[in-house]
C-alpha atoms as a PDB file:
ATOM      1  CA  UNK A   1     -17.104 -19.081  -2.328  1.00  0.00           C
ATOM      2  CA  UNK A   2     -14.989 -18.087  -5.367  1.00  0.00           C
ATOM      3  CA  UNK A   3     -17.749 -15.781  -6.626  1.00  0.00           C
ATOM      4  CA  UNK A   4     -17.794 -13.963  -3.286  1.00  0.00           C
ATOM      5  CA  UNK A   5     -14.012 -13.473  -3.474  1.00  0.00           C
ATOM      6  CA  UNK A   6     -14.318 -11.982  -6.953  1.00  0.00           C
ATOM      7  CA  UNK A   7     -17.121  -9.717  -5.738  1.00  0.00           C
ATOM      8  CA  UNK A   8     -15.066  -8.667  -2.705  1.00  0.00           C
ATOM      9  CA  UNK A   9     -12.005  -7.968  -4.888  1.00  0.00           C
ATOM     10  CA  UNK A  10     -14.159  -5.966  -7.318  1.00  0.00           C
ATOM     11  CA  UNK A  11     -15.571  -3.906  -4.458  1.00  0.00           C
ATOM     12  CA  UNK A  12     -12.075  -3.256  -3.119  1.00  0.00           C
ATOM     13  CA  UNK A  13     -10.905  -2.061  -6.533  1.00  0.00           C
ATOM     14  CA  UNK A  14     -13.956   0.197  -6.773  1.00  0.00           C
ATOM     15  CA  UNK A  15     -13.201   1.679  -3.347  1.00  0.00           C
ATOM     16  CA  UNK A  16      -9.601   2.370  -4.403  1.00  0.00           C
ATOM     17  CA  UNK A  17     -10.722   4.071  -7.594  1.00  0.00           C
ATOM     18  CA  UNK A  18     -13.463   6.148  -5.971  1.00  0.00           C
ATOM     19  CA  UNK A  19     -11.305   7.289  -3.094  1.00  0.00           C
ATOM     20  CA  UNK A  20      -8.539   8.131  -5.537  1.00  0.00           C
ATOM     21  CA  UNK A  21     -10.887  10.248  -7.613  1.00  0.00           C
ATOM     22  CA  UNK A  22     -12.364  12.101  -4.660  1.00  0.00           C
ATOM     23  CA  UNK A  23      -9.168  12.656  -2.661  1.00  0.00           C
ATOM     24  CA  UNK A  24      -6.741  13.437  -5.450  1.00  0.00           C
ATOM     25  CA  UNK A  25      -6.210  17.133  -5.857  1.00  0.00           C
ATOM     26  CA  UNK A  26      -3.651  16.830  -8.639  1.00  0.00           C
ATOM     27  CA  UNK A  27      -0.797  18.077  -6.458  1.00  0.00           C
ATOM     28  CA  UNK A  28       1.412  16.515  -3.852  1.00  0.00           C
ATOM     29  CA  UNK A  29       1.968  19.246  -1.293  1.00  0.00           C
ATOM     30  CA  UNK A  30       4.071  17.135   1.052  1.00  0.00           C
ATOM     31  CA  UNK A  31       6.238  15.829  -1.792  1.00  0.00           C
ATOM     32  CA  UNK A  32       6.663  12.322  -0.411  1.00  0.00           C
ATOM     33  CA  UNK A  33       6.185  10.703  -3.816  1.00  0.00           C
ATOM     34  CA  UNK A  34       7.984  12.605  -6.598  1.00  0.00           C
ATOM     35  CA  UNK A  35       5.616  12.120  -9.546  1.00  0.00           C
ATOM     36  CA  UNK A  36       2.314  11.305  -7.862  1.00  0.00           C
ATOM     37  CA  UNK A  37       0.295  11.536  -4.668  1.00  0.00           C
ATOM     38  CA  UNK A  38       0.439   8.828  -1.992  1.00  0.00           C
ATOM     39  CA  UNK A  39      -3.231   8.082  -2.677  1.00  0.00           C
ATOM     40  CA  UNK A  40      -2.563   7.503  -6.367  1.00  0.00           C
ATOM     41  CA  UNK A  41       0.488   5.371  -5.578  1.00  0.00           C
ATOM     42  CA  UNK A  42      -1.683   3.305  -3.196  1.00  0.00           C
ATOM     43  CA  UNK A  43      -3.768   2.205  -6.177  1.00  0.00           C
ATOM     44  CA  UNK A  44      -0.690   0.364  -7.467  1.00  0.00           C
ATOM     45  CA  UNK A  45      -0.803  -1.830  -4.368  1.00  0.00           C
ATOM     46  CA  UNK A  46      -4.089  -3.522  -5.239  1.00  0.00           C
ATOM     47  CA  UNK A  47      -2.188  -6.848  -5.634  1.00  0.00           C
ATOM     48  CA  UNK A  48      -1.400  -6.512  -1.901  1.00  0.00           C
ATOM     49  CA  UNK A  49      -5.082  -6.386  -0.854  1.00  0.00           C
ATOM     50  CA  UNK A  50      -5.129  -9.549   1.249  1.00  0.00           C
ATOM     51  CA  UNK A  51      -1.549  -9.236   2.516  1.00  0.00           C
ATOM     52  CA  UNK A  52      -2.151  -5.786   4.064  1.00  0.00           C
ATOM     53  CA  UNK A  53      -5.000  -7.120   6.183  1.00  0.00           C
ATOM     54  CA  UNK A  54      -3.724 -10.546   7.218  1.00  0.00           C
ATOM     55  CA  UNK A  55      -0.156 -11.171   8.350  1.00  0.00           C
ATOM     56  CA  UNK A  56      -0.446 -14.862   7.490  1.00  0.00           C
ATOM     57  CA  UNK A  57      -1.660 -14.248   3.917  1.00  0.00           C
ATOM     58  CA  UNK A  58       0.775 -14.991   1.115  1.00  0.00           C
ATOM     59  CA  UNK A  59       2.297 -11.938  -0.544  1.00  0.00           C
ATOM     60  CA  UNK A  60       2.018 -12.121  -4.332  1.00  0.00           C
ATOM     61  CA  UNK A  61       4.878 -11.470  -6.719  1.00  0.00           C
ATOM     62  CA  UNK A  62       2.938  -8.523  -8.153  1.00  0.00           C
ATOM     63  CA  UNK A  63       2.605  -7.027  -4.698  1.00  0.00           C
ATOM     64  CA  UNK A  64       6.316  -7.456  -3.981  1.00  0.00           C
ATOM     65  CA  UNK A  65       7.254  -5.869  -7.304  1.00  0.00           C
ATOM     66  CA  UNK A  66       5.167  -2.766  -6.555  1.00  0.00           C
ATOM     67  CA  UNK A  67       6.417  -2.520  -2.964  1.00  0.00           C
ATOM     68  CA  UNK A  68      10.002  -2.802  -4.189  1.00  0.00           C
ATOM     69  CA  UNK A  69       9.428  -0.018  -6.726  1.00  0.00           C
ATOM     70  CA  UNK A  70       7.657   2.335  -4.300  1.00  0.00           C
ATOM     71  CA  UNK A  71      10.035   1.353  -1.476  1.00  0.00           C
ATOM     72  CA  UNK A  72      13.005   2.816  -3.330  1.00  0.00           C
ATOM     73  CA  UNK A  73      11.781   6.019  -1.704  1.00  0.00           C
ATOM     74  CA  UNK A  74      11.021   5.124   1.964  1.00  0.00           C
ATOM     75  CA  UNK A  75       9.191   8.428   2.522  1.00  0.00           C
ATOM     76  CA  UNK A  76       6.853   7.610  -0.343  1.00  0.00           C
ATOM     77  CA  UNK A  77       6.270   4.018   0.809  1.00  0.00           C
ATOM     78  CA  UNK A  78       5.462   5.254   4.289  1.00  0.00           C
ATOM     79  CA  UNK A  79       3.094   7.929   2.953  1.00  0.00           C
ATOM     80  CA  UNK A  80       1.355   5.335   0.776  1.00  0.00           C
ATOM     81  CA  UNK A  81       0.862   2.868   3.638  1.00  0.00           C
ATOM     82  CA  UNK A  82      -0.590   5.637   5.832  1.00  0.00           C
ATOM     83  CA  UNK A  83      -2.547   7.381   3.048  1.00  0.00           C
ATOM     84  CA  UNK A  84      -6.249   8.212   3.069  1.00  0.00           C
ATOM     85  CA  UNK A  85      -6.777   5.658   0.316  1.00  0.00           C
ATOM     86  CA  UNK A  86      -5.096   2.909   2.340  1.00  0.00           C
ATOM     87  CA  UNK A  87      -7.234   3.781   5.368  1.00  0.00           C
ATOM     88  CA  UNK A  88     -10.419   3.778   3.272  1.00  0.00           C
ATOM     89  CA  UNK A  89      -9.527   0.364   1.846  1.00  0.00           C
ATOM     90  CA  UNK A  90      -9.121  -1.118   5.320  1.00  0.00           C
ATOM     91  CA  UNK A  91      -5.329  -1.425   5.242  1.00  0.00           C
ATOM     92  CA  UNK A  92      -3.929  -2.296   8.648  1.00  0.00           C
ATOM     93  CA  UNK A  93      -0.702  -0.271   8.905  1.00  0.00           C
ATOM     94  CA  UNK A  94       0.788  -2.571  11.522  1.00  0.00           C
ATOM     95  CA  UNK A  95       0.493  -5.436   9.011  1.00  0.00           C
ATOM     96  CA  UNK A  96       1.207  -3.455   5.833  1.00  0.00           C
ATOM     97  CA  UNK A  97       4.513  -2.263   7.260  1.00  0.00           C
ATOM     98  CA  UNK A  98       5.690  -5.911   7.315  1.00  0.00           C
ATOM     99  CA  UNK A  99       5.260  -6.471   3.578  1.00  0.00           C
ATOM    100  CA  UNK A 100       8.800  -5.460   2.517  1.00  0.00           C
ATOM    101  CA  UNK A 101      10.173  -8.036   4.959  1.00  0.00           C
ATOM    102  CA  UNK A 102       7.589 -10.642   3.910  1.00  0.00           C
ATOM    103  CA  UNK A 103       8.712 -10.050   0.307  1.00  0.00           C
ATOM    104  CA  UNK A 104      12.316 -10.733   1.394  1.00  0.00           C
ATOM    105  CA  UNK A 105      13.458  -7.398  -0.022  1.00  0.00           C
ATOM    106  CA  UNK A 106      17.119  -7.230   0.903  1.00  0.00           C
ATOM    107  CA  UNK A 107      17.351  -3.491   0.277  1.00  0.00           C
ATOM    108  CA  UNK A 108      14.346  -2.538   2.413  1.00  0.00           C
ATOM    109  CA  UNK A 109      14.882   0.398   4.789  1.00  0.00           C
ATOM    110  CA  UNK A 110      15.051  -1.590   8.043  1.00  0.00           C
ATOM    111  CA  UNK A 111      14.386   0.625  11.058  1.00  0.00           C
ATOM    112  CA  UNK A 112      12.801   3.439   9.033  1.00  0.00           C
ATOM    113  CA  UNK A 113      10.195   5.235  11.150  1.00  0.00           C
ATOM    114  CA  UNK A 114       6.797   5.386   9.494  1.00  0.00           C
ATOM    115  CA  UNK A 115       4.497   7.325  11.777  1.00  0.00           C
ATOM    116  CA  UNK A 116       4.000   5.180  14.868  1.00  0.00           C
ATOM    117  CA  UNK A 117       5.487   2.161  13.064  1.00  0.00           C
ATOM    118  CA  UNK A 118       9.011   1.004  12.268  1.00  0.00           C
ATOM    119  CA  UNK A 119       9.879  -1.025   9.174  1.00  0.00           C
ATOM    120  CA  UNK A 120      11.153  -4.462  10.255  1.00  0.00           C
END
């Protein structure tokens, strides 16, 4: 069972990398994330892989640290959670949007509209 988890995690990382390579155009036309594209920022959320698909999964400290960093700019966090890379990796936006709360981030942007979703 552990070997299949490692294989699954490795495949997920590969998907993130490949999608990032093929969708990154080197520019961020919308400007949601100041120094990067939402797809490239999404690669930083690999520690969140299980938490973005299962609302009962534990959220790792590494995941929370990245969400806190990206979440300092709510527009960027929203763009990352709804990015092409996130979609390709099977991220469920309705679950991913709960991660700041699940990380107990006190400075999360409660009520921020993210597409059809609202940050709790």
